[in-house]
Protein backbone atom coordinates (compact mmCIF):
# COMPACT_ATOMS: atom_id res chain seq x y z
CA MET A 1 42.83 43.23 64.71
CA ILE A 2 41.64 43.74 61.15
CA ALA A 3 42.23 42.01 57.83
CA THR A 4 42.65 43.99 54.62
CA ALA A 5 42.69 43.50 50.85
CA VAL A 6 42.89 45.95 47.96
CA ALA A 7 41.08 45.53 44.64
CA ALA A 8 39.77 47.90 41.95
CA ASP A 9 40.70 51.12 43.80
CA SER A 10 38.96 49.95 46.94
CA LEU A 11 40.24 48.89 50.34
CA TYR A 12 38.39 46.01 51.97
CA ILE A 13 38.55 45.59 55.72
CA GLY A 14 37.52 42.51 57.66
CA ASP A 15 36.41 43.77 61.07
CA GLN A 16 36.69 41.12 63.78
CA GLY A 17 34.74 43.31 66.21
CA ASN A 18 31.52 43.04 64.23
CA SER A 19 32.40 40.19 61.82
CA THR A 20 31.83 42.14 58.63
CA VAL A 21 33.81 42.97 55.50
CA GLN A 22 33.54 46.65 54.61
CA GLN A 23 34.54 48.46 51.42
CA PHE A 24 36.26 51.88 51.42
CA ASP A 25 37.51 54.16 48.65
CA ALA A 26 41.28 53.53 48.52
CA THR A 27 42.05 57.17 47.66
CA SER A 28 39.74 59.16 49.92
CA GLY A 29 39.16 56.57 52.64
CA ASP A 30 35.41 57.15 52.40
CA PHE A 31 33.12 54.30 53.42
CA ILE A 32 31.38 52.75 50.41
CA LYS A 33 29.39 49.83 51.80
CA THR A 34 29.33 46.74 53.99
CA LEU A 35 30.15 44.07 51.44
CA VAL A 36 29.68 41.04 53.71
CA SER A 37 27.27 41.20 56.62
CA SER A 38 27.94 39.69 60.02
CA GLY A 39 27.09 36.00 60.09
CA SER A 40 26.79 35.65 56.30
CA GLY A 41 27.83 32.10 55.43
CA GLY A 42 28.83 31.62 59.07
CA LEU A 43 31.28 34.55 59.11
CA ASP A 44 32.50 34.99 62.68
CA GLY A 45 35.93 36.59 62.90
CA PRO A 46 37.49 37.55 59.55
CA PHE A 47 41.27 37.23 59.89
CA GLY A 48 42.52 37.36 56.29
CA LEU A 49 41.20 38.50 52.92
CA VAL A 50 42.31 37.82 49.36
CA PHE A 51 40.64 38.26 45.98
CA GLU A 52 40.71 35.42 43.46
CA ASN A 53 41.36 36.07 39.76
CA SER A 54 37.64 35.49 39.20
CA GLY A 55 36.88 38.49 41.44
CA ASP A 56 35.50 36.38 44.28
CA LEU A 57 36.63 37.20 47.81
CA LEU A 58 38.14 34.56 50.11
CA VAL A 59 37.94 35.22 53.84
CA ALA A 60 39.88 33.34 56.53
CA ASN A 61 37.15 32.83 59.13
CA GLY A 62 38.23 32.17 62.72
CA ASN A 63 34.86 31.00 64.10
CA LEU A 64 35.66 33.05 67.20
CA GLY A 65 34.32 31.75 70.47
CA LEU A 66 32.93 28.61 68.85
CA PRO A 67 34.15 25.11 69.72
CA ILE A 68 34.85 24.34 66.04
CA PRO A 69 37.85 24.91 63.74
CA GLY A 70 37.96 27.86 61.40
CA ASP A 71 37.41 27.72 57.65
CA ILE A 72 37.76 29.76 54.49
CA LEU A 73 34.64 31.33 53.04
CA ARG A 74 34.08 32.40 49.42
CA PHE A 75 31.91 35.45 48.69
CA ASN A 76 30.94 37.20 45.47
CA GLY A 77 33.40 40.09 45.21
CA ASN A 78 30.76 42.50 43.87
CA THR A 79 27.62 41.67 45.85
CA GLY A 80 29.08 40.03 48.96
CA ALA A 81 26.74 37.05 48.56
CA PHE A 82 27.99 33.89 50.25
CA GLU A 83 29.03 31.21 47.76
CA LYS A 84 30.84 28.35 49.49
CA ALA A 85 32.71 27.23 52.62
CA LEU A 86 36.17 25.85 51.92
CA ALA A 87 38.76 24.07 54.09
CA ASN A 88 36.12 23.00 56.60
CA GLY A 89 36.64 19.24 56.65
CA THR A 90 39.79 17.17 57.07
CA GLY A 91 42.73 19.47 57.76
CA ALA A 92 40.55 22.45 58.67
CA PRO A 93 42.65 25.21 60.25
CA LEU A 94 42.13 25.77 63.98
CA GLN A 95 42.29 29.54 63.51
CA PRO A 96 43.27 30.71 60.02
CA ASN A 97 44.97 34.10 59.94
CA GLY A 98 46.62 35.39 56.78
CA ILE A 99 45.90 33.75 53.43
CA VAL A 100 47.47 33.97 49.98
CA LEU A 101 46.86 32.30 46.62
CA SER A 102 49.41 30.70 44.30
CA GLU A 103 49.19 28.08 41.57
CA HIS A 104 45.49 27.35 42.32
CA MET A 105 46.26 26.71 45.97
CA ILE A 106 45.20 28.58 49.08
CA TYR A 107 47.90 28.97 51.73
CA ALA A 108 46.50 29.65 55.20
CA ALA A 109 48.51 30.61 58.29
CA ASN A 110 47.08 28.58 61.15
CA PHE A 111 47.69 30.36 64.45
CA THR A 112 46.64 28.18 67.36
CA GLY A 113 47.24 30.76 70.10
CA ASP A 114 48.14 27.93 72.49
CA PRO A 115 51.87 28.01 73.41
CA THR A 116 51.88 24.21 73.70
CA VAL A 117 50.43 23.62 70.21
CA PRO A 118 52.54 24.97 67.31
CA GLY A 119 50.71 26.32 64.29
CA ASN A 120 51.31 25.55 60.63
CA VAL A 121 50.80 26.80 57.11
CA SER A 122 48.20 24.62 55.43
CA THR A 123 47.50 24.36 51.71
CA TYR A 124 44.11 23.76 50.11
CA ASN A 125 42.79 23.35 46.57
CA GLU A 126 41.47 26.77 45.54
CA GLN A 127 38.29 25.44 43.91
CA THR A 128 37.26 22.59 46.19
CA GLY A 129 38.88 23.61 49.48
CA THR A 130 40.32 20.10 49.87
CA PHE A 131 43.23 19.94 52.32
CA LEU A 132 46.52 19.21 50.51
CA GLU A 133 49.34 19.41 53.07
CA ASN A 134 51.10 21.45 55.73
CA LEU A 135 54.38 23.12 54.84
CA ASN A 136 57.36 21.42 56.45
CA GLN A 137 58.35 23.56 59.43
CA ASN A 138 60.02 20.72 61.37
CA VAL A 139 63.43 21.82 60.06
CA ILE A 140 63.28 24.94 62.24
CA PRO A 141 63.03 23.50 65.78
CA SER A 142 64.54 26.53 67.52
CA ILE A 143 61.68 28.83 66.47
CA ASN A 144 58.30 28.95 68.17
CA TYR A 145 56.11 28.44 65.11
CA PHE A 146 52.90 30.45 65.35
CA PRO A 147 52.27 31.89 61.85
CA ARG A 148 50.14 35.01 61.50
CA ALA A 149 50.62 36.50 58.01
CA LEU A 150 51.72 35.35 54.55
CA VAL A 151 52.92 37.06 51.40
CA TYR A 152 54.52 35.90 48.17
CA GLY A 153 57.59 37.90 47.18
CA SER A 154 58.30 38.89 43.57
CA GLU A 155 61.17 36.36 43.49
CA GLY A 156 58.76 33.46 44.19
CA TYR A 157 59.45 32.85 47.88
CA LEU A 158 56.65 32.54 50.41
CA TYR A 159 57.29 34.75 53.45
CA VAL A 160 55.63 33.71 56.71
CA ALA A 161 55.46 36.08 59.70
CA VAL A 162 55.48 34.04 62.90
CA ARG A 163 54.87 35.19 66.44
CA ASP A 164 56.97 34.01 69.34
CA LEU A 165 54.54 33.18 72.16
CA LEU A 166 57.41 32.76 74.64
CA ASN A 167 58.53 36.35 73.92
CA PRO A 168 55.30 38.23 73.07
CA LEU A 169 57.29 41.12 71.59
CA GLY A 170 59.40 38.91 69.35
CA GLY A 171 58.91 37.09 66.11
CA HIS A 172 60.44 36.00 62.83
CA VAL A 173 59.87 36.19 59.11
CA LEU A 174 60.56 32.78 57.54
CA ARG A 175 61.15 32.13 53.87
CA PHE A 176 59.92 29.02 52.03
CA ASN A 177 60.78 27.87 48.49
CA SER A 178 58.02 27.56 45.89
CA ASN A 179 57.92 23.79 46.57
CA GLY A 180 56.96 24.51 50.21
CA ASN A 181 60.31 23.60 51.74
CA PHE A 182 61.80 25.86 54.39
CA LYS A 183 64.69 28.00 53.06
CA ASP A 184 65.81 30.31 55.86
CA VAL A 185 64.96 32.87 58.50
CA SER A 186 64.67 36.11 56.58
CA LEU A 187 64.30 38.37 59.62
CA THR A 188 64.24 38.06 63.41
CA ILE A 189 62.42 40.66 65.48
CA LEU A 190 63.30 41.04 69.12
CA ALA A 191 61.54 44.02 70.62
CA VAL A 192 62.53 45.29 74.05
CA LEU A 193 60.44 47.48 76.32
CA VAL A 194 62.36 50.28 77.95
CA ASN A 195 60.95 52.08 81.01
């Protein structure tokens, strides 16, 4: 699994295999450089990438194989130098996957991977990384809530792709209002294997 972001005609890929963030030319696909080296700032399993308006890069870090929750790391978007760990105290995500920014808040999809422990979408202050709240998913009890990816639509809704751990080939896309309240199920995916 890889994480990607696009900025300034470049494609950035977070490689979980070697825990790096690499930069490629978005047109030719040519490798440019390793922007963030393995282990920099504690990077161990990049799951999501997003650039801030300042040009800094935020990385959802899974802390793979470690007995500690994940966090969100800030790197200089030009040099790759580590700047700060965010979301690593109270309310730290167990395993952050996709991340998006809106209204000076970081939204992180927290995928637990444990079918007995539902995930959540957590919000954090963009500058300090302070935990703010989890989006209210309790209004959707019939859906196994294991969020993986997030995107803001042009109409202002937050779309959350969730995996169904009881049906590994199934999932849903949920839609939340700008105030964080659940709106509806935008799409249900039920894949079937045929022999």
